[in-house]
Amino acid sequence: APPRKNRALFRQGVLAAISNPKVLLFYGAFLPQFIDAQRSLLPQFAVMAASFAVVEFVVEYLLARLAHRIRPWLERSGRRFNKVCGGLFALMGAALPLSR
């Protein structure tokens, strides 16, 4: 049963990622500045999209590995961890208007 659940979670994540309009906005706003108008556009976009996908996969994989490694620690001290993170977010939120 677990492999099927993992596949379903993976499929759900992929569908959420490819249906996210922010990705299209990112590609439309960020990538064109690196396109050479004198060359074919499709291969350039394909290389950039593939590069982005590889980097994104590596980052997400490393985050998942890290989360898996610290899971036992979070299970023991997760409540304290959440309070510390919440306190840090509150401090950053309080410091933000004072930074100008």
C-alpha atoms as a PDB file:
ATOM      1  CA  ALA A   1       0.000   0.000   0.000  1.00  0.00           C
ATOM      2  CA  PRO A   2       2.706   2.639   0.735  1.00  0.00           C
ATOM      3  CA  PRO A   3       4.139   2.738  -2.824  1.00  0.00           C
ATOM      4  CA  ARG A   4       0.694   3.510  -4.235  1.00  0.00           C
ATOM      5  CA  LYS A   5       0.229   6.264  -1.653  1.00  0.00           C
ATOM      6  CA  ASN A   6       3.636   7.695  -2.546  1.00  0.00           C
ATOM      7  CA  ARG A   7       2.780   7.622  -6.245  1.00  0.00           C
ATOM      8  CA  ALA A   8      -0.517   9.361  -5.570  1.00  0.00           C
ATOM      9  CA  LEU A   9       1.249  12.050  -3.550  1.00  0.00           C
ATOM     10  CA  PHE A  10       3.837  12.489  -6.299  1.00  0.00           C
ATOM     11  CA  ARG A  11       1.130  12.753  -8.967  1.00  0.00           C
ATOM     12  CA  GLN A  12      -0.750  15.287  -6.844  1.00  0.00           C
ATOM     13  CA  GLY A  13       2.422  17.360  -6.445  1.00  0.00           C
ATOM     14  CA  VAL A  14       3.212  17.273 -10.155  1.00  0.00           C
ATOM     15  CA  LEU A  15      -0.329  18.299 -11.069  1.00  0.00           C
ATOM     16  CA  ALA A  16      -0.205  21.159  -8.571  1.00  0.00           C
ATOM     17  CA  ALA A  17       3.155  22.303  -9.927  1.00  0.00           C
ATOM     18  CA  ILE A  18       2.233  22.253 -13.616  1.00  0.00           C
ATOM     19  CA  SER A  19      -1.147  23.910 -13.042  1.00  0.00           C
ATOM     20  CA  ASN A  20       0.395  26.742 -11.018  1.00  0.00           C
ATOM     21  CA  PRO A  21       0.058  29.989 -13.000  1.00  0.00           C
ATOM     22  CA  LYS A  22       3.002  31.505 -11.110  1.00  0.00           C
ATOM     23  CA  VAL A  23       5.346  29.279 -13.108  1.00  0.00           C
ATOM     24  CA  LEU A  24       4.065  30.767 -16.368  1.00  0.00           C
ATOM     25  CA  LEU A  25       4.411  34.267 -14.941  1.00  0.00           C
ATOM     26  CA  PHE A  26       7.958  33.477 -13.841  1.00  0.00           C
ATOM     27  CA  TYR A  27       8.931  32.136 -17.260  1.00  0.00           C
ATOM     28  CA  GLY A  28       7.232  35.055 -18.970  1.00  0.00           C
ATOM     29  CA  ALA A  29       8.856  37.728 -16.800  1.00  0.00           C
ATOM     30  CA  PHE A  30      12.269  36.355 -15.899  1.00  0.00           C
ATOM     31  CA  LEU A  31      13.528  34.205 -18.745  1.00  0.00           C
ATOM     32  CA  PRO A  32      13.040  36.495 -21.792  1.00  0.00           C
ATOM     33  CA  GLN A  33      15.886  38.755 -20.707  1.00  0.00           C
ATOM     34  CA  PHE A  34      18.261  35.845 -21.303  1.00  0.00           C
ATOM     35  CA  ILE A  35      16.937  35.021 -24.773  1.00  0.00           C
ATOM     36  CA  ASP A  36      18.976  35.909 -27.845  1.00  0.00           C
ATOM     37  CA  ALA A  37      16.477  37.260 -30.383  1.00  0.00           C
ATOM     38  CA  GLN A  38      18.792  36.336 -33.273  1.00  0.00           C
ATOM     39  CA  ARG A  39      18.600  32.612 -32.490  1.00  0.00           C
ATOM     40  CA  SER A  40      15.760  30.106 -32.422  1.00  0.00           C
ATOM     41  CA  LEU A  41      13.526  30.723 -29.410  1.00  0.00           C
ATOM     42  CA  LEU A  42      12.195  27.238 -28.712  1.00  0.00           C
ATOM     43  CA  PRO A  43      15.555  25.531 -28.062  1.00  0.00           C
ATOM     44  CA  GLN A  44      16.636  28.401 -25.823  1.00  0.00           C
ATOM     45  CA  PHE A  45      13.462  28.188 -23.751  1.00  0.00           C
ATOM     46  CA  ALA A  46      13.748  24.393 -23.639  1.00  0.00           C
ATOM     47  CA  VAL A  47      17.312  24.546 -22.297  1.00  0.00           C
ATOM     48  CA  MET A  48      16.360  27.145 -19.702  1.00  0.00           C
ATOM     49  CA  ALA A  49      13.258  25.237 -18.634  1.00  0.00           C
ATOM     50  CA  ALA A  50      15.225  21.990 -18.367  1.00  0.00           C
ATOM     51  CA  SER A  51      17.956  23.718 -16.365  1.00  0.00           C
ATOM     52  CA  PHE A  52      15.360  25.199 -14.034  1.00  0.00           C
ATOM     53  CA  ALA A  53      13.651  21.817 -13.647  1.00  0.00           C
ATOM     54  CA  VAL A  54      16.931  20.068 -12.780  1.00  0.00           C
ATOM     55  CA  VAL A  55      17.897  22.704 -10.224  1.00  0.00           C
ATOM     56  CA  GLU A  56      14.395  22.642  -8.726  1.00  0.00           C
ATOM     57  CA  PHE A  57      14.453  18.846  -8.510  1.00  0.00           C
ATOM     58  CA  VAL A  58      17.840  18.840  -6.758  1.00  0.00           C
ATOM     59  CA  VAL A  59      16.744  21.498  -4.265  1.00  0.00           C
ATOM     60  CA  GLU A  60      13.463  19.736  -3.497  1.00  0.00           C
ATOM     61  CA  TYR A  61      15.238  16.387  -3.187  1.00  0.00           C
ATOM     62  CA  LEU A  62      17.784  17.804  -0.751  1.00  0.00           C
ATOM     63  CA  LEU A  63      15.024  19.440   1.297  1.00  0.00           C
ATOM     64  CA  ALA A  64      13.148  16.146   1.438  1.00  0.00           C
ATOM     65  CA  ARG A  65      16.299  14.310   2.556  1.00  0.00           C
ATOM     66  CA  LEU A  66      16.926  16.921   5.239  1.00  0.00           C
ATOM     67  CA  ALA A  67      13.323  16.707   6.437  1.00  0.00           C
ATOM     68  CA  HIS A  68      13.609  12.925   6.582  1.00  0.00           C
ATOM     69  CA  ARG A  69      16.810  13.158   8.629  1.00  0.00           C
ATOM     70  CA  ILE A  70      15.451  15.648  11.166  1.00  0.00           C
ATOM     71  CA  ARG A  71      12.055  13.970  11.443  1.00  0.00           C
ATOM     72  CA  PRO A  72      12.924  12.048  14.640  1.00  0.00           C
ATOM     73  CA  TRP A  73      14.173  15.249  16.258  1.00  0.00           C
ATOM     74  CA  LEU A  74      11.055  17.151  15.177  1.00  0.00           C
ATOM     75  CA  GLU A  75       8.834  14.402  16.559  1.00  0.00           C
ATOM     76  CA  ARG A  76      10.539  14.805  19.944  1.00  0.00           C
ATOM     77  CA  SER A  77      10.744  18.575  20.058  1.00  0.00           C
ATOM     78  CA  GLY A  78       8.361  19.724  17.343  1.00  0.00           C
ATOM     79  CA  ARG A  79       6.214  21.887  19.590  1.00  0.00           C
ATOM     80  CA  ARG A  80       9.237  23.794  20.873  1.00  0.00           C
ATOM     81  CA  PHE A  81      10.554  24.117  17.309  1.00  0.00           C
ATOM     82  CA  ASN A  82       7.206  25.571  16.184  1.00  0.00           C
ATOM     83  CA  LYS A  83       7.247  28.079  19.045  1.00  0.00           C
ATOM     84  CA  VAL A  84      10.801  29.172  18.218  1.00  0.00           C
ATOM     85  CA  CYS A  85       9.950  29.558  14.516  1.00  0.00           C
ATOM     86  CA  GLY A  86       6.764  31.454  15.395  1.00  0.00           C
ATOM     87  CA  GLY A  87       8.742  33.769  17.652  1.00  0.00           C
ATOM     88  CA  LEU A  88      11.288  34.406  14.905  1.00  0.00           C
ATOM     89  CA  PHE A  89       8.536  35.215  12.414  1.00  0.00           C
ATOM     90  CA  ALA A  90       6.940  37.593  14.938  1.00  0.00           C
ATOM     91  CA  LEU A  91      10.298  39.319  15.483  1.00  0.00           C
ATOM     92  CA  MET A  92      10.849  39.682  11.749  1.00  0.00           C
ATOM     93  CA  GLY A  93       7.315  41.022  11.343  1.00  0.00           C
ATOM     94  CA  ALA A  94       7.893  43.558  14.113  1.00  0.00           C
ATOM     95  CA  ALA A  95      11.277  44.590  12.696  1.00  0.00           C
ATOM     96  CA  LEU A  96       9.996  45.043   9.154  1.00  0.00           C
ATOM     97  CA  PRO A  97       8.173  48.362   9.651  1.00  0.00           C
ATOM     98  CA  LEU A  98      11.075  49.647  11.748  1.00  0.00           C
ATOM     99  CA  SER A  99      13.630  48.963   9.019  1.00  0.00           C
ATOM    100  CA  ARG A 100      12.784  52.100   7.023  1.00  0.00           C
END
